[in-house]
Amino acid sequence: MFLTIDIHDRRPVYRQIADGIKSLIAGGQLREGQPLPAVRQVAADLGVNLNTIAAAYRDLQSEGLITVKRGSGATVVARTSGSAHSQEDLRRPIRTALTELVLAGMQQREILVLVIDELKSLLKGVKS
């Protein structure tokens, strides 16, 4: 599992880790039933506190993306288990990101290219 921490990112480290794992699940690099590395291992690999990784795993479990069993570790539940969200809940972060891009001065065409590139990158390796 390949994750990185960006010290310049405004998100807390546990959120960066949770978002990174979500991307790996969405992109098909982590598949349903696949075990995640132990909290201790991820913490050692990234050089962060165990509680930081545990918080990321708890968030992912509360979102229904992984299950965590004491003694057995964490396992990916399903790539599509988050489908219980409403359309509005799913649109909100997209709207926020698009707003930031517009406020940064990007033109519509540039934004569309960026979104398409990111989607392609995310879905690379996912079988349709």
C-alpha atoms as a PDB file:
ATOM      1  CA  MET A   1       0.000   0.000   0.000  1.00  0.00           C
ATOM      2  CA  PHE A   2       1.500   3.304  -1.082  1.00  0.00           C
ATOM      3  CA  LEU A   3       0.586   6.406   0.935  1.00  0.00           C
ATOM      4  CA  THR A   4       2.336   9.723   1.385  1.00  0.00           C
ATOM      5  CA  ILE A   5       1.952  12.577   3.827  1.00  0.00           C
ATOM      6  CA  ASP A   6       2.145  16.175   2.602  1.00  0.00           C
ATOM      7  CA  ILE A   7       3.271  18.524   5.376  1.00  0.00           C
ATOM      8  CA  HIS A   8       1.920  21.484   3.364  1.00  0.00           C
ATOM      9  CA  ASP A   9      -1.570  19.971   3.116  1.00  0.00           C
ATOM     10  CA  ARG A  10      -4.127  21.737   5.325  1.00  0.00           C
ATOM     11  CA  ARG A  11      -5.866  18.454   6.104  1.00  0.00           C
ATOM     12  CA  PRO A  12      -4.886  16.634   9.300  1.00  0.00           C
ATOM     13  CA  VAL A  13      -2.539  13.678   8.765  1.00  0.00           C
ATOM     14  CA  TYR A  14      -5.194  11.101   9.714  1.00  0.00           C
ATOM     15  CA  ARG A  15      -7.494  12.604   7.052  1.00  0.00           C
ATOM     16  CA  GLN A  16      -4.739  12.477   4.423  1.00  0.00           C
ATOM     17  CA  ILE A  17      -4.243   8.800   5.248  1.00  0.00           C
ATOM     18  CA  ALA A  18      -7.962   8.022   5.162  1.00  0.00           C
ATOM     19  CA  ASP A  19      -8.356   9.899   1.857  1.00  0.00           C
ATOM     20  CA  GLY A  20      -5.333   8.077   0.433  1.00  0.00           C
ATOM     21  CA  ILE A  21      -6.819   4.697   1.324  1.00  0.00           C
ATOM     22  CA  LYS A  22     -10.158   5.771  -0.163  1.00  0.00           C
ATOM     23  CA  SER A  23      -8.367   6.618  -3.412  1.00  0.00           C
ATOM     24  CA  LEU A  24      -6.682   3.219  -3.432  1.00  0.00           C
ATOM     25  CA  ILE A  25     -10.058   1.521  -2.922  1.00  0.00           C
ATOM     26  CA  ALA A  26     -11.763   3.673  -5.587  1.00  0.00           C
ATOM     27  CA  GLY A  27      -8.899   3.055  -8.003  1.00  0.00           C
ATOM     28  CA  GLY A  28      -8.995  -0.708  -7.519  1.00  0.00           C
ATOM     29  CA  GLN A  29      -5.536  -1.010  -5.939  1.00  0.00           C
ATOM     30  CA  LEU A  30      -7.261  -2.213  -2.752  1.00  0.00           C
ATOM     31  CA  ARG A  31      -9.991  -4.725  -3.470  1.00  0.00           C
ATOM     32  CA  GLU A  32     -12.892  -6.110  -1.485  1.00  0.00           C
ATOM     33  CA  GLY A  33     -11.690  -8.601   1.124  1.00  0.00           C
ATOM     34  CA  GLN A  34      -8.083  -7.442   0.948  1.00  0.00           C
ATOM     35  CA  PRO A  35      -6.465  -6.891   4.351  1.00  0.00           C
ATOM     36  CA  LEU A  36      -4.918  -3.533   5.166  1.00  0.00           C
ATOM     37  CA  PRO A  37      -1.492  -3.391   6.780  1.00  0.00           C
ATOM     38  CA  ALA A  38      -1.457  -3.364  10.568  1.00  0.00           C
ATOM     39  CA  VAL A  39      -1.740   0.021  12.266  1.00  0.00           C
ATOM     40  CA  ARG A  40       1.774  -0.406  13.685  1.00  0.00           C
ATOM     41  CA  GLN A  41       3.206  -1.129  10.248  1.00  0.00           C
ATOM     42  CA  VAL A  42       1.595   1.882   8.570  1.00  0.00           C
ATOM     43  CA  ALA A  43       2.633   4.133  11.462  1.00  0.00           C
ATOM     44  CA  ALA A  44       6.236   2.919  11.183  1.00  0.00           C
ATOM     45  CA  ASP A  45       6.264   3.258   7.378  1.00  0.00           C
ATOM     46  CA  LEU A  46       4.941   6.835   7.487  1.00  0.00           C
ATOM     47  CA  GLY A  47       6.710   7.894  10.669  1.00  0.00           C
ATOM     48  CA  VAL A  48       3.526   8.915  12.452  1.00  0.00           C
ATOM     49  CA  ASN A  49       1.860   8.047  15.742  1.00  0.00           C
ATOM     50  CA  LEU A  50      -0.167   4.822  16.019  1.00  0.00           C
ATOM     51  CA  ASN A  51      -3.207   6.848  17.107  1.00  0.00           C
ATOM     52  CA  THR A  52      -3.103   8.794  13.833  1.00  0.00           C
ATOM     53  CA  ILE A  53      -3.427   5.593  11.788  1.00  0.00           C
ATOM     54  CA  ALA A  54      -6.060   4.224  14.173  1.00  0.00           C
ATOM     55  CA  ALA A  55      -8.104   7.429  13.687  1.00  0.00           C
ATOM     56  CA  ALA A  56      -7.895   7.051   9.904  1.00  0.00           C
ATOM     57  CA  TYR A  57      -8.986   3.403  10.123  1.00  0.00           C
ATOM     58  CA  ARG A  58     -11.887   4.363  12.457  1.00  0.00           C
ATOM     59  CA  ASP A  59     -13.075   6.996   9.966  1.00  0.00           C
ATOM     60  CA  LEU A  60     -12.942   4.501   7.115  1.00  0.00           C
ATOM     61  CA  GLN A  61     -14.836   1.969   9.215  1.00  0.00           C
ATOM     62  CA  SER A  62     -17.525   4.522  10.088  1.00  0.00           C
ATOM     63  CA  GLU A  63     -17.896   5.248   6.372  1.00  0.00           C
ATOM     64  CA  GLY A  64     -18.404   1.541   5.712  1.00  0.00           C
ATOM     65  CA  LEU A  65     -15.291   1.118   3.568  1.00  0.00           C
ATOM     66  CA  ILE A  66     -13.369  -1.202   5.888  1.00  0.00           C
ATOM     67  CA  THR A  67     -14.051  -3.491   8.821  1.00  0.00           C
ATOM     68  CA  VAL A  68     -11.740  -3.582  11.801  1.00  0.00           C
ATOM     69  CA  LYS A  69     -11.668  -6.656  14.028  1.00  0.00           C
ATOM     70  CA  ARG A  70      -9.505  -6.664  17.113  1.00  0.00           C
ATOM     71  CA  GLY A  71      -6.737  -9.183  16.605  1.00  0.00           C
ATOM     72  CA  SER A  72      -7.585  -9.745  12.931  1.00  0.00           C
ATOM     73  CA  GLY A  73      -6.843  -6.289  11.566  1.00  0.00           C
ATOM     74  CA  ALA A  74      -8.632  -4.208   8.970  1.00  0.00           C
ATOM     75  CA  THR A  75     -10.139  -5.469   5.725  1.00  0.00           C
ATOM     76  CA  VAL A  76     -11.617  -3.643   2.733  1.00  0.00           C
ATOM     77  CA  VAL A  77     -15.386  -4.133   2.701  1.00  0.00           C
ATOM     78  CA  ALA A  78     -16.341  -3.009  -0.794  1.00  0.00           C
ATOM     79  CA  ARG A  79     -15.428  -0.374  -3.308  1.00  0.00           C
ATOM     80  CA  THR A  80     -19.057   0.671  -3.708  1.00  0.00           C
ATOM     81  CA  SER A  81     -20.317   0.469  -0.127  1.00  0.00           C
ATOM     82  CA  GLY A  82     -20.444   4.264   0.121  1.00  0.00           C
ATOM     83  CA  SER A  83     -23.376   4.392  -2.307  1.00  0.00           C
ATOM     84  CA  ALA A  84     -25.831   5.111   0.532  1.00  0.00           C
ATOM     85  CA  HIS A  85     -24.959   8.816   0.296  1.00  0.00           C
ATOM     86  CA  SER A  86     -27.480  11.162  -1.251  1.00  0.00           C
ATOM     87  CA  GLN A  87     -26.748  12.971  -4.513  1.00  0.00           C
ATOM     88  CA  GLU A  88     -26.448  16.228  -2.569  1.00  0.00           C
ATOM     89  CA  ASP A  89     -23.952  14.714  -0.117  1.00  0.00           C
ATOM     90  CA  LEU A  90     -21.852  13.509  -3.040  1.00  0.00           C
ATOM     91  CA  ARG A  91     -22.039  16.835  -4.902  1.00  0.00           C
ATOM     92  CA  ARG A  92     -21.049  19.025  -1.948  1.00  0.00           C
ATOM     93  CA  PRO A  93     -17.267  18.298  -1.968  1.00  0.00           C
ATOM     94  CA  ILE A  94     -17.186  18.570  -5.757  1.00  0.00           C
ATOM     95  CA  ARG A  95     -18.880  21.963  -5.592  1.00  0.00           C
ATOM     96  CA  THR A  96     -16.393  23.104  -2.944  1.00  0.00           C
ATOM     97  CA  ALA A  97     -13.410  21.974  -5.021  1.00  0.00           C
ATOM     98  CA  LEU A  98     -14.774  23.596  -8.179  1.00  0.00           C
ATOM     99  CA  THR A  99     -15.407  26.835  -6.293  1.00  0.00           C
ATOM    100  CA  GLU A 100     -11.776  26.883  -5.146  1.00  0.00           C
ATOM    101  CA  LEU A 101     -10.561  26.317  -8.711  1.00  0.00           C
ATOM    102  CA  VAL A 102     -12.714  29.165 -10.056  1.00  0.00           C
ATOM    103  CA  LEU A 103     -11.548  31.472  -7.251  1.00  0.00           C
ATOM    104  CA  ALA A 104      -7.943  30.535  -8.085  1.00  0.00           C
ATOM    105  CA  GLY A 105      -8.540  31.957 -11.559  1.00  0.00           C
ATOM    106  CA  MET A 106      -8.784  28.763 -13.594  1.00  0.00           C
ATOM    107  CA  GLN A 107     -10.866  28.867 -16.743  1.00  0.00           C
ATOM    108  CA  GLN A 108     -13.704  26.412 -17.380  1.00  0.00           C
ATOM    109  CA  ARG A 109     -11.738  24.501 -20.016  1.00  0.00           C
ATOM    110  CA  GLU A 110      -8.730  24.119 -17.684  1.00  0.00           C
ATOM    111  CA  ILE A 111     -10.989  22.879 -14.904  1.00  0.00           C
ATOM    112  CA  LEU A 112     -12.639  20.330 -17.184  1.00  0.00           C
ATOM    113  CA  VAL A 113      -9.252  19.018 -18.345  1.00  0.00           C
ATOM    114  CA  LEU A 114      -8.077  18.780 -14.744  1.00  0.00           C
ATOM    115  CA  VAL A 115     -11.221  16.915 -13.641  1.00  0.00           C
ATOM    116  CA  ILE A 116     -11.025  14.486 -16.565  1.00  0.00           C
ATOM    117  CA  ASP A 117      -7.320  13.827 -15.924  1.00  0.00           C
ATOM    118  CA  GLU A 118      -7.927  13.206 -12.214  1.00  0.00           C
ATOM    119  CA  LEU A 119     -10.846  10.876 -12.951  1.00  0.00           C
ATOM    120  CA  LYS A 120      -8.775   8.911 -15.459  1.00  0.00           C
ATOM    121  CA  SER A 121      -5.944   8.661 -12.954  1.00  0.00           C
ATOM    122  CA  LEU A 122      -8.301   7.511 -10.214  1.00  0.00           C
ATOM    123  CA  LEU A 123      -9.986   4.902 -12.384  1.00  0.00           C
ATOM    124  CA  LYS A 124      -6.798   3.563 -13.929  1.00  0.00           C
ATOM    125  CA  GLY A 125      -6.787  -0.130 -13.129  1.00  0.00           C
ATOM    126  CA  VAL A 126     -10.510  -0.333 -12.401  1.00  0.00           C
ATOM    127  CA  LYS A 127     -12.275  -2.811 -14.632  1.00  0.00           C
ATOM    128  CA  SER A 128     -15.578  -1.571 -16.008  1.00  0.00           C
END
